[in-house]
Amino acid sequence: WLIEGSVAALANGNIMQLFRTTTGLLYVSLSKDSGMTWDRPRKTTLPNPDSKVNVARLHSAGNDLALAFNDMNQWERANTRLVRFNRGRGRLKVAISTSNGRNWTRVAL
């Protein structure tokens, strides 16, 4: 289930929306027609403990994107299986993308 999307206009004219989920990862969807239609959401490699994120385009930084998110997985290994633990919100980080959201580099803790 996808909840609380955060939207940013990309330098190429598309719109990107990142969603928090209960899967342990952020999901992303793109629109190429000003938000009239969206592609099928797909998971990213960015961890998310089911907490809100915020993405913004940095016009003064060559149109890079900044993402504020809790860099924490909501699952931990218990013996041989994954078990969900609390919705941790103690690892707020900022990541920057110079590739319209395809890749992210963590820059602040």
PDB file of N, CA and C in Angstrom:
ATOM      1  N   TRP A   1       0.848  -1.167   0.000  1.00  0.00           N
ATOM      2  CA  TRP A   1       0.000   0.000   0.000  1.00  0.00           C
ATOM      3  C   TRP A   1       0.889   1.223   0.000  1.00  0.00           C
ATOM      4  N   LEU A   2       0.568   2.204  -0.784  1.00  0.00           N
ATOM      5  CA  LEU A   2       1.361   3.414  -0.951  1.00  0.00           C
ATOM      6  C   LEU A   2       0.660   4.561  -0.234  1.00  0.00           C
ATOM      7  N   ILE A   3       1.405   5.261   0.616  1.00  0.00           N
ATOM      8  CA  ILE A   3       0.788   6.360   1.361  1.00  0.00           C
ATOM      9  C   ILE A   3       1.706   7.576   1.405  1.00  0.00           C
ATOM     10  N   GLU A   4       1.111   8.734   1.632  1.00  0.00           N
ATOM     11  CA  GLU A   4       1.815  10.002   1.832  1.00  0.00           C
ATOM     12  C   GLU A   4       2.925  10.245   0.817  1.00  0.00           C
ATOM     13  N   GLY A   5       2.534  10.399  -0.434  1.00  0.00           N
ATOM     14  CA  GLY A   5       3.504  10.679  -1.470  1.00  0.00           C
ATOM     15  C   GLY A   5       4.097  12.079  -1.352  1.00  0.00           C
ATOM     16  N   SER A   6       5.325  12.213  -1.809  1.00  0.00           N
ATOM     17  CA  SER A   6       6.002  13.502  -1.881  1.00  0.00           C
ATOM     18  C   SER A   6       6.413  13.706  -3.337  1.00  0.00           C
ATOM     19  N   VAL A   7       6.082  14.865  -3.905  1.00  0.00           N
ATOM     20  CA  VAL A   7       6.209  15.104  -5.342  1.00  0.00           C
ATOM     21  C   VAL A   7       7.265  16.158  -5.633  1.00  0.00           C
ATOM     22  N   ALA A   8       8.022  15.928  -6.720  1.00  0.00           N
ATOM     23  CA  ALA A   8       8.989  16.927  -7.186  1.00  0.00           C
ATOM     24  C   ALA A   8       8.997  16.947  -8.713  1.00  0.00           C
ATOM     25  N   ALA A   9       9.075  18.150  -9.279  1.00  0.00           N
ATOM     26  CA  ALA A   9       9.243  18.299 -10.722  1.00  0.00           C
ATOM     27  C   ALA A   9      10.703  18.025 -11.057  1.00  0.00           C
ATOM     28  N   LEU A  10      10.934  17.222 -12.084  1.00  0.00           N
ATOM     29  CA  LEU A  10      12.299  16.888 -12.490  1.00  0.00           C
ATOM     30  C   LEU A  10      12.786  17.851 -13.565  1.00  0.00           C
ATOM     31  N   ALA A  11      14.090  17.925 -13.722  1.00  0.00           N
ATOM     32  CA  ALA A  11      14.693  18.837 -14.693  1.00  0.00           C
ATOM     33  C   ALA A  11      14.256  18.506 -16.121  1.00  0.00           C
ATOM     34  N   ASN A  12      13.922  17.231 -16.398  1.00  0.00           N
ATOM     35  CA  ASN A  12      13.526  16.826 -17.744  1.00  0.00           C
ATOM     36  C   ASN A  12      12.045  17.059 -18.025  1.00  0.00           C
ATOM     37  N   GLY A  13      11.322  17.676 -17.064  1.00  0.00           N
ATOM     38  CA  GLY A  13       9.912  17.986 -17.254  1.00  0.00           C
ATOM     39  C   GLY A  13       8.962  16.951 -16.674  1.00  0.00           C
ATOM     40  N   ASN A  14       9.456  15.776 -16.317  1.00  0.00           N
ATOM     41  CA  ASN A  14       8.621  14.769 -15.685  1.00  0.00           C
ATOM     42  C   ASN A  14       8.368  15.130 -14.225  1.00  0.00           C
ATOM     43  N   ILE A  15       7.435  14.427 -13.601  1.00  0.00           N
ATOM     44  CA  ILE A  15       7.160  14.594 -12.181  1.00  0.00           C
ATOM     45  C   ILE A  15       7.425  13.255 -11.493  1.00  0.00           C
ATOM     46  N   MET A  16       8.116  13.297 -10.369  1.00  0.00           N
ATOM     47  CA  MET A  16       8.413  12.093  -9.603  1.00  0.00           C
ATOM     48  C   MET A  16       7.664  12.147  -8.278  1.00  0.00           C
ATOM     49  N   GLN A  17       7.118  11.021  -7.881  1.00  0.00           N
ATOM     50  CA  GLN A  17       6.453  10.918  -6.584  1.00  0.00           C
ATOM     51  C   GLN A  17       7.054   9.737  -5.819  1.00  0.00           C
ATOM     52  N   LEU A  18       7.530  10.019  -4.606  1.00  0.00           N
ATOM     53  CA  LEU A  18       8.041   8.978  -3.719  1.00  0.00           C
ATOM     54  C   LEU A  18       6.996   8.699  -2.652  1.00  0.00           C
ATOM     55  N   PHE A  19       6.806   7.425  -2.339  1.00  0.00           N
ATOM     56  CA  PHE A  19       5.800   6.997  -1.369  1.00  0.00           C
ATOM     57  C   PHE A  19       6.440   6.225  -0.224  1.00  0.00           C
ATOM     58  N   ARG A  20       5.903   6.419   0.966  1.00  0.00           N
ATOM     59  CA  ARG A  20       6.242   5.528   2.064  1.00  0.00           C
ATOM     60  C   ARG A  20       5.345   4.296   1.942  1.00  0.00           C
ATOM     61  N   THR A  21       5.816   3.187   2.473  1.00  0.00           N
ATOM     62  CA  THR A  21       5.049   1.942   2.415  1.00  0.00           C
ATOM     63  C   THR A  21       5.310   1.144   3.690  1.00  0.00           C
ATOM     64  N   THR A  22       4.641   0.030   3.800  1.00  0.00           N
ATOM     65  CA  THR A  22       4.893  -0.879   4.923  1.00  0.00           C
ATOM     66  C   THR A  22       5.827  -2.008   4.514  1.00  0.00           C
ATOM     67  N   THR A  23       6.466  -1.899   3.344  1.00  0.00           N
ATOM     68  CA  THR A  23       7.335  -2.969   2.841  1.00  0.00           C
ATOM     69  C   THR A  23       8.779  -2.841   3.316  1.00  0.00           C
ATOM     70  N   GLY A  24       9.137  -1.684   3.895  1.00  0.00           N
ATOM     71  CA  GLY A  24      10.517  -1.455   4.298  1.00  0.00           C
ATOM     72  C   GLY A  24      11.330  -0.669   3.285  1.00  0.00           C
ATOM     73  N   LEU A  25      10.732  -0.349   2.128  1.00  0.00           N
ATOM     74  CA  LEU A  25      11.413   0.428   1.087  1.00  0.00           C
ATOM     75  C   LEU A  25      10.490   1.528   0.579  1.00  0.00           C
ATOM     76  N   LEU A  26      11.095   2.625   0.092  1.00  0.00           N
ATOM     77  CA  LEU A  26      10.321   3.650  -0.599  1.00  0.00           C
ATOM     78  C   LEU A  26       9.948   3.139  -1.988  1.00  0.00           C
ATOM     79  N   TYR A  27       8.804   3.616  -2.497  1.00  0.00           N
ATOM     80  CA  TYR A  27       8.389   3.327  -3.863  1.00  0.00           C
ATOM     81  C   TYR A  27       8.383   4.630  -4.644  1.00  0.00           C
ATOM     82  N   VAL A  28       8.544   4.537  -5.974  1.00  0.00           N
ATOM     83  CA  VAL A  28       8.582   5.710  -6.839  1.00  0.00           C
ATOM     84  C   VAL A  28       7.651   5.507  -8.029  1.00  0.00           C
ATOM     85  N   SER A  29       7.039   6.605  -8.480  1.00  0.00           N
ATOM     86  CA  SER A  29       6.222   6.601  -9.681  1.00  0.00           C
ATOM     87  C   SER A  29       6.536   7.884 -10.446  1.00  0.00           C
ATOM     88  N   LEU A  30       6.486   7.813 -11.775  1.00  0.00           N
ATOM     89  CA  LEU A  30       6.771   8.970 -12.621  1.00  0.00           C
ATOM     90  C   LEU A  30       5.565   9.314 -13.482  1.00  0.00           C
ATOM     91  N   SER A  31       5.401  10.607 -13.741  1.00  0.00           N
ATOM     92  CA  SER A  31       4.403  11.095 -14.678  1.00  0.00           C
ATOM     93  C   SER A  31       5.128  11.877 -15.765  1.00  0.00           C
ATOM     94  N   LYS A  32       4.757  11.611 -17.010  1.00  0.00           N
ATOM     95  CA  LYS A  32       5.357  12.318 -18.139  1.00  0.00           C
ATOM     96  C   LYS A  32       4.380  13.299 -18.774  1.00  0.00           C
ATOM     97  N   ASP A  33       3.191  13.464 -18.126  1.00  0.00           N
ATOM     98  CA  ASP A  33       2.164  14.342 -18.703  1.00  0.00           C
ATOM     99  C   ASP A  33       1.560  15.270 -17.645  1.00  0.00           C
ATOM    100  N   SER A  34       2.427  15.892 -16.872  1.00  0.00           N
ATOM    101  CA  SER A  34       2.027  16.875 -15.855  1.00  0.00           C
ATOM    102  C   SER A  34       1.105  16.308 -14.782  1.00  0.00           C
ATOM    103  N   GLY A  35       1.225  15.020 -14.511  1.00  0.00           N
ATOM    104  CA  GLY A  35       0.457  14.405 -13.443  1.00  0.00           C
ATOM    105  C   GLY A  35      -0.890  13.842 -13.850  1.00  0.00           C
ATOM    106  N   MET A  36      -1.214  13.874 -15.132  1.00  0.00           N
ATOM    107  CA  MET A  36      -2.503  13.309 -15.580  1.00  0.00           C
ATOM    108  C   MET A  36      -2.501  11.790 -15.429  1.00  0.00           C
ATOM    109  N   THR A  37      -1.386  11.145 -15.771  1.00  0.00           N
ATOM    110  CA  THR A  37      -1.251   9.693 -15.609  1.00  0.00           C
ATOM    111  C   THR A  37       0.102   9.411 -14.965  1.00  0.00           C
ATOM    112  N   TRP A  38       0.195   8.252 -14.310  1.00  0.00           N
ATOM    113  CA  TRP A  38       1.419   7.858 -13.599  1.00  0.00           C
ATOM    114  C   TRP A  38       1.795   6.441 -13.986  1.00  0.00           C
ATOM    115  N   ASP A  39       3.099   6.177 -14.053  1.00  0.00           N
ATOM    116  CA  ASP A  39       3.508   4.802 -14.320  1.00  0.00           C
ATOM    117  C   ASP A  39       3.303   3.941 -13.069  1.00  0.00           C
ATOM    118  N   ARG A  40       3.422   2.663 -13.230  1.00  0.00           N
ATOM    119  CA  ARG A  40       3.219   1.727 -12.121  1.00  0.00           C
ATOM    120  C   ARG A  40       4.312   1.968 -11.065  1.00  0.00           C
ATOM    121  N   PRO A  41       3.932   2.175  -9.815  1.00  0.00           N
ATOM    122  CA  PRO A  41       4.942   2.388  -8.767  1.00  0.00           C
ATOM    123  C   PRO A  41       5.879   1.188  -8.662  1.00  0.00           C
ATOM    124  N   ARG A  42       7.149   1.485  -8.405  1.00  0.00           N
ATOM    125  CA  ARG A  42       8.144   0.412  -8.250  1.00  0.00           C
ATOM    126  C   ARG A  42       9.010   0.714  -7.040  1.00  0.00           C
ATOM    127  N   LYS A  43       9.525  -0.333  -6.440  1.00  0.00           N
ATOM    128  CA  LYS A  43      10.322  -0.127  -5.239  1.00  0.00           C
ATOM    129  C   LYS A  43      11.694   0.435  -5.588  1.00  0.00           C
ATOM    130  N   THR A  44      12.206   1.216  -4.667  1.00  0.00           N
ATOM    131  CA  THR A  44      13.559   1.748  -4.777  1.00  0.00           C
ATOM    132  C   THR A  44      14.464   0.918  -3.862  1.00  0.00           C
ATOM    133  N   THR A  45      15.706   1.308  -3.758  1.00  0.00           N
ATOM    134  CA  THR A  45      16.622   0.654  -2.810  1.00  0.00           C
ATOM    135  C   THR A  45      16.721   1.438  -1.507  1.00  0.00           C
ATOM    136  N   LEU A  46      15.929   2.518  -1.384  1.00  0.00           N
ATOM    137  CA  LEU A  46      15.983   3.362  -0.194  1.00  0.00           C
ATOM    138  C   LEU A  46      15.140   2.770   0.928  1.00  0.00           C
ATOM    139  N   PRO A  47      15.752   2.509   2.088  1.00  0.00           N
ATOM    140  CA  PRO A  47      14.985   1.949   3.202  1.00  0.00           C
ATOM    141  C   PRO A  47      13.995   2.960   3.759  1.00  0.00           C
ATOM    142  N   ASN A  48      12.916   2.425   4.339  1.00  0.00           N
ATOM    143  CA  ASN A  48      11.907   3.298   4.935  1.00  0.00           C
ATOM    144  C   ASN A  48      11.135   2.542   6.003  1.00  0.00           C
ATOM    145  N   PRO A  49      11.156   3.042   7.233  1.00  0.00           N
ATOM    146  CA  PRO A  49      10.444   2.376   8.322  1.00  0.00           C
ATOM    147  C   PRO A  49       8.986   2.816   8.424  1.00  0.00           C
ATOM    148  N   ASP A  50       8.330   2.985   7.275  1.00  0.00           N
ATOM    149  CA  ASP A  50       6.943   3.418   7.231  1.00  0.00           C
ATOM    150  C   ASP A  50       6.794   4.814   7.824  1.00  0.00           C
ATOM    151  N   SER A  51       7.695   5.720   7.409  1.00  0.00           N
ATOM    152  CA  SER A  51       7.637   7.103   7.885  1.00  0.00           C
ATOM    153  C   SER A  51       7.648   8.058   6.692  1.00  0.00           C
ATOM    154  N   LYS A  52       7.070   9.229   6.890  1.00  0.00           N
ATOM    155  CA  LYS A  52       6.936  10.247   5.845  1.00  0.00           C
ATOM    156  C   LYS A  52       8.300  10.675   5.317  1.00  0.00           C
ATOM    157  N   VAL A  53       8.360  10.970   4.029  1.00  0.00           N
ATOM    158  CA  VAL A  53       9.569  11.495   3.392  1.00  0.00           C
ATOM    159  C   VAL A  53       9.219  12.820   2.726  1.00  0.00           C
ATOM    160  N   ASN A  54      10.257  13.580   2.358  1.00  0.00           N
ATOM    161  CA  ASN A  54      10.043  14.828   1.646  1.00  0.00           C
ATOM    162  C   ASN A  54      11.124  14.970   0.590  1.00  0.00           C
ATOM    163  N   VAL A  55      10.703  15.161  -0.647  1.00  0.00           N
ATOM    164  CA  VAL A  55      11.644  15.352  -1.745  1.00  0.00           C
ATOM    165  C   VAL A  55      11.402  16.737  -2.345  1.00  0.00           C
ATOM    166  N   ALA A  56      12.491  17.393  -2.745  1.00  0.00           N
ATOM    167  CA  ALA A  56      12.380  18.729  -3.331  1.00  0.00           C
ATOM    168  C   ALA A  56      13.461  18.915  -4.381  1.00  0.00           C
ATOM    169  N   ARG A  57      13.134  19.676  -5.395  1.00  0.00           N
ATOM    170  CA  ARG A  57      14.120  20.025  -6.420  1.00  0.00           C
ATOM    171  C   ARG A  57      14.873  21.262  -5.965  1.00  0.00           C
ATOM    172  N   LEU A  58      16.181  21.213  -6.085  1.00  0.00           N
ATOM    173  CA  LEU A  58      17.045  22.323  -5.664  1.00  0.00           C
ATOM    174  C   LEU A  58      17.415  23.152  -6.891  1.00  0.00           C
ATOM    175  N   HIS A  59      16.638  24.141  -7.192  1.00  0.00           N
ATOM    176  CA  HIS A  59      16.856  24.949  -8.398  1.00  0.00           C
ATOM    177  C   HIS A  59      18.223  25.622  -8.399  1.00  0.00           C
ATOM    178  N   SER A  60      18.726  25.979  -7.232  1.00  0.00           N
ATOM    179  CA  SER A  60      20.012  26.675  -7.169  1.00  0.00           C
ATOM    180  C   SER A  60      21.198  25.727  -7.266  1.00  0.00           C
ATOM    181  N   ALA A  61      20.941  24.427  -7.283  1.00  0.00           N
ATOM    182  CA  ALA A  61      22.040  23.443  -7.305  1.00  0.00           C
ATOM    183  C   ALA A  61      22.006  22.619  -8.585  1.00  0.00           C
ATOM    184  N   GLY A  62      21.751  23.258  -9.697  1.00  0.00           N
ATOM    185  CA  GLY A  62      21.752  22.535 -10.960  1.00  0.00           C
ATOM    186  C   GLY A  62      20.603  21.554 -11.095  1.00  0.00           C
ATOM    187  N   ASN A  63      19.479  21.838 -10.439  1.00  0.00           N
ATOM    188  CA  ASN A  63      18.287  20.998 -10.503  1.00  0.00           C
ATOM    189  C   ASN A  63      18.438  19.636  -9.840  1.00  0.00           C
ATOM    190  N   ASP A  64      19.390  19.503  -8.933  1.00  0.00           N
ATOM    191  CA  ASP A  64      19.498  18.266  -8.151  1.00  0.00           C
ATOM    192  C   ASP A  64      18.247  18.108  -7.291  1.00  0.00           C
ATOM    193  N   LEU A  65      18.035  16.890  -6.793  1.00  0.00           N
ATOM    194  CA  LEU A  65      16.937  16.616  -5.869  1.00  0.00           C
ATOM    195  C   LEU A  65      17.505  16.376  -4.484  1.00  0.00           C
ATOM    196  N   ALA A  66      16.771  16.810  -3.471  1.00  0.00           N
ATOM    197  CA  ALA A  66      17.129  16.521  -2.077  1.00  0.00           C
ATOM    198  C   ALA A  66      15.997  15.690  -1.482  1.00  0.00           C
ATOM    199  N   LEU A  67      16.376  14.699  -0.696  1.00  0.00           N
ATOM    200  CA  LEU A  67      15.407  13.818  -0.056  1.00  0.00           C
ATOM    201  C   LEU A  67      15.706  13.745   1.435  1.00  0.00           C
ATOM    202  N   ALA A  68      14.723  14.084   2.252  1.00  0.00           N
ATOM    203  CA  ALA A  68      14.832  13.905   3.703  1.00  0.00           C
ATOM    204  C   ALA A  68      14.052  12.640   4.042  1.00  0.00           C
ATOM    205  N   PHE A  69      14.730  11.690   4.701  1.00  0.00           N
ATOM    206  CA  PHE A  69      14.087  10.411   4.992  1.00  0.00           C
ATOM    207  C   PHE A  69      14.747   9.746   6.190  1.00  0.00           C
ATOM    208  N   ASN A  70      14.038   8.815   6.789  1.00  0.00           N
ATOM    209  CA  ASN A  70      14.572   8.018   7.887  1.00  0.00           C
ATOM    210  C   ASN A  70      15.264   6.804   7.284  1.00  0.00           C
ATOM    211  N   ASP A  71      16.567   6.823   7.318  1.00  0.00           N
ATOM    212  CA  ASP A  71      17.394   5.791   6.690  1.00  0.00           C
ATOM    213  C   ASP A  71      17.463   4.564   7.610  1.00  0.00           C
ATOM    214  N   MET A  72      16.343   3.887   7.687  1.00  0.00           N
ATOM    215  CA  MET A  72      16.255   2.775   8.637  1.00  0.00           C
ATOM    216  C   MET A  72      15.267   1.754   8.106  1.00  0.00           C
ATOM    217  N   ASN A  73      15.644   0.502   8.155  1.00  0.00           N
ATOM    218  CA  ASN A  73      14.754  -0.560   7.752  1.00  0.00           C
ATOM    219  C   ASN A  73      13.840  -0.909   8.919  1.00  0.00           C
ATOM    220  N   GLN A  74      12.624  -1.295   8.634  1.00  0.00           N
ATOM    221  CA  GLN A  74      11.680  -1.636   9.692  1.00  0.00           C
ATOM    222  C   GLN A  74      11.661  -3.130  10.001  1.00  0.00           C
ATOM    223  N   TRP A  75      12.564  -3.878   9.400  1.00  0.00           N
ATOM    224  CA  TRP A  75      12.605  -5.321   9.610  1.00  0.00           C
ATOM    225  C   TRP A  75      13.936  -5.700  10.237  1.00  0.00           C
ATOM    226  N   GLU A  76      13.941  -6.679  11.100  1.00  0.00           N
ATOM    227  CA  GLU A  76      15.187  -7.200  11.642  1.00  0.00           C
ATOM    228  C   GLU A  76      15.129  -8.718  11.611  1.00  0.00           C
ATOM    229  N   ARG A  77      16.277  -9.333  11.549  1.00  0.00           N
ATOM    230  CA  ARG A  77      16.336 -10.789  11.467  1.00  0.00           C
ATOM    231  C   ARG A  77      16.250 -11.386  12.865  1.00  0.00           C
ATOM    232  N   ALA A  78      15.316 -12.316  13.024  1.00  0.00           N
ATOM    233  CA  ALA A  78      15.166 -13.052  14.281  1.00  0.00           C
ATOM    234  C   ALA A  78      15.324 -14.525  13.931  1.00  0.00           C
ATOM    235  N   ASN A  79      16.472 -15.065  14.283  1.00  0.00           N
ATOM    236  CA  ASN A  79      16.822 -16.440  13.889  1.00  0.00           C
ATOM    237  C   ASN A  79      16.851 -16.528  12.371  1.00  0.00           C
ATOM    238  N   THR A  80      15.915 -17.237  11.759  1.00  0.00           N
ATOM    239  CA  THR A  80      15.952 -17.415  10.302  1.00  0.00           C
ATOM    240  C   THR A  80      14.849 -16.669   9.571  1.00  0.00           C
ATOM    241  N   ARG A  81      14.123 -15.805  10.256  1.00  0.00           N
ATOM    242  CA  ARG A  81      13.044 -15.082   9.587  1.00  0.00           C
ATOM    243  C   ARG A  81      13.121 -13.598   9.901  1.00  0.00           C
ATOM    244  N   LEU A  82      12.490 -12.813   9.040  1.00  0.00           N
ATOM    245  CA  LEU A  82      12.431 -11.370   9.249  1.00  0.00           C
ATOM    246  C   LEU A  82      11.229 -11.036  10.112  1.00  0.00           C
ATOM    247  N   VAL A  83      11.442 -10.170  11.077  1.00  0.00           N
ATOM    248  CA  VAL A  83      10.384  -9.753  11.989  1.00  0.00           C
ATOM    249  C   VAL A  83      10.294  -8.235  11.953  1.00  0.00           C
ATOM    250  N   ARG A  84       9.068  -7.717  11.903  1.00  0.00           N
ATOM    251  CA  ARG A  84       8.877  -6.266  11.894  1.00  0.00           C
ATOM    252  C   ARG A  84       9.083  -5.715  13.299  1.00  0.00           C
ATOM    253  N   PHE A  85       9.833  -4.632  13.395  1.00  0.00           N
ATOM    254  CA  PHE A  85       9.989  -3.975  14.685  1.00  0.00           C
ATOM    255  C   PHE A  85       9.372  -2.590  14.605  1.00  0.00           C
ATOM    256  N   ASN A  86       9.559  -1.786  15.625  1.00  0.00           N
ATOM    257  CA  ASN A  86       8.871  -0.488  15.673  1.00  0.00           C
ATOM    258  C   ASN A  86       9.226   0.392  14.484  1.00  0.00           C
ATOM    259  N   ARG A  87       8.423   1.380  14.258  1.00  0.00           N
ATOM    260  CA  ARG A  87       8.625   2.304  13.141  1.00  0.00           C
ATOM    261  C   ARG A  87       9.669   3.333  13.542  1.00  0.00           C
ATOM    262  N   GLY A  88      10.915   2.946  13.433  1.00  0.00           N
ATOM    263  CA  GLY A  88      12.018   3.800  13.860  1.00  0.00           C
ATOM    264  C   GLY A  88      12.073   5.106  13.108  1.00  0.00           C
ATOM    265  N   ARG A  89      12.328   6.159  13.832  1.00  0.00           N
ATOM    266  CA  ARG A  89      12.424   7.471  13.205  1.00  0.00           C
ATOM    267  C   ARG A  89      13.635   8.218  13.725  1.00  0.00           C
ATOM    268  N   GLY A  90      14.651   7.467  14.135  1.00  0.00           N
ATOM    269  CA  GLY A  90      15.812   8.077  14.755  1.00  0.00           C
ATOM    270  C   GLY A  90      16.985   8.317  13.837  1.00  0.00           C
ATOM    271  N   ARG A  91      16.868   7.988  12.567  1.00  0.00           N
ATOM    272  CA  ARG A  91      17.998   8.145  11.649  1.00  0.00           C
ATOM    273  C   ARG A  91      17.632   9.048  10.481  1.00  0.00           C
ATOM    274  N   LEU A  92      17.254  10.276  10.788  1.00  0.00           N
ATOM    275  CA  LEU A  92      16.897  11.217   9.736  1.00  0.00           C
ATOM    276  C   LEU A  92      18.149  11.570   8.937  1.00  0.00           C
ATOM    277  N   LYS A  93      18.057  11.438   7.617  1.00  0.00           N
ATOM    278  CA  LYS A  93      19.179  11.741   6.738  1.00  0.00           C
ATOM    279  C   LYS A  93      18.697  12.547   5.549  1.00  0.00           C
ATOM    280  N   VAL A  94      19.654  13.156   4.866  1.00  0.00           N
ATOM    281  CA  VAL A  94      19.396  13.859   3.614  1.00  0.00           C
ATOM    282  C   VAL A  94      20.241  13.179   2.542  1.00  0.00           C
ATOM    283  N   ALA A  95      19.609  12.928   1.406  1.00  0.00           N
ATOM    284  CA  ALA A  95      20.317  12.358   0.262  1.00  0.00           C
ATOM    285  C   ALA A  95      20.102  13.289  -0.932  1.00  0.00           C
ATOM    286  N   ILE A  96      21.069  13.293  -1.838  1.00  0.00           N
ATOM    287  CA  ILE A  96      21.012  14.129  -3.045  1.00  0.00           C
ATOM    288  C   ILE A  96      21.050  13.224  -4.266  1.00  0.00           C
ATOM    289  N   SER A  97      20.241  13.582  -5.269  1.00  0.00           N
ATOM    290  CA  SER A  97      20.278  12.886  -6.550  1.00  0.00           C
ATOM    291  C   SER A  97      20.618  13.884  -7.641  1.00  0.00           C
ATOM    292  N   THR A  98      21.595  13.540  -8.455  1.00  0.00           N
ATOM    293  CA  THR A  98      21.950  14.351  -9.621  1.00  0.00           C
ATOM    294  C   THR A  98      21.464  13.665 -10.902  1.00  0.00           C
ATOM    295  N   SER A  99      20.648  12.597 -10.727  1.00  0.00           N
ATOM    296  CA  SER A  99      20.211  11.781 -11.866  1.00  0.00           C
ATOM    297  C   SER A  99      18.687  11.672 -11.942  1.00  0.00           C
ATOM    298  N   ASN A 100      17.982  12.740 -11.600  1.00  0.00           N
ATOM    299  CA  ASN A 100      16.519  12.738 -11.624  1.00  0.00           C
ATOM    300  C   ASN A 100      15.916  11.619 -10.774  1.00  0.00           C
ATOM    301  N   GLY A 101      16.560  11.302  -9.656  1.00  0.00           N
ATOM    302  CA  GLY A 101      16.019  10.334  -8.717  1.00  0.00           C
ATOM    303  C   GLY A 101      16.394   8.889  -8.963  1.00  0.00           C
ATOM    304  N   ARG A 102      17.214   8.625  -9.967  1.00  0.00           N
ATOM    305  CA  ARG A 102      17.620   7.230 -10.226  1.00  0.00           C
ATOM    306  C   ARG A 102      18.617   6.735  -9.191  1.00  0.00           C
ATOM    307  N   ASN A 103      19.514   7.606  -8.740  1.00  0.00           N
ATOM    308  CA  ASN A 103      20.530   7.257  -7.748  1.00  0.00           C
ATOM    309  C   ASN A 103      20.567   8.334  -6.674  1.00  0.00           C
ATOM    310  N   TRP A 104      20.877   7.914  -5.444  1.00  0.00           N
ATOM    311  CA  TRP A 104      20.907   8.839  -4.300  1.00  0.00           C
ATOM    312  C   TRP A 104      22.203   8.677  -3.530  1.00  0.00           C
ATOM    313  N   THR A 105      22.769   9.806  -3.091  1.00  0.00           N
ATOM    314  CA  THR A 105      23.971   9.825  -2.247  1.00  0.00           C
ATOM    315  C   THR A 105      23.621  10.475  -0.934  1.00  0.00           C
ATOM    316  N   ARG A 106      23.859   9.766   0.157  1.00  0.00           N
ATOM    317  CA  ARG A 106      23.593  10.319   1.477  1.00  0.00           C
ATOM    318  C   ARG A 106      24.631  11.375   1.786  1.00  0.00           C
ATOM    319  N   VAL A 107      24.176  12.578   2.176  1.00  0.00           N
ATOM    320  CA  VAL A 107      25.102  13.685   2.397  1.00  0.00           C
ATOM    321  C   VAL A 107      25.043  14.253   3.807  1.00  0.00           C
ATOM    322  N   ALA A 108      23.992  13.969   4.554  1.00  0.00           N
ATOM    323  CA  ALA A 108      23.875  14.537   5.906  1.00  0.00           C
ATOM    324  C   ALA A 108      23.203  13.532   6.815  1.00  0.00           C
ATOM    325  N   LEU A 109      23.673  13.558   8.059  1.00  0.00           N
ATOM    326  CA  LEU A 109      23.090  12.661   9.064  1.00  0.00           C
ATOM    327  C   LEU A 109      22.221  13.437   9.996  1.00  0.00           C
TER     328      LEU A 109
END
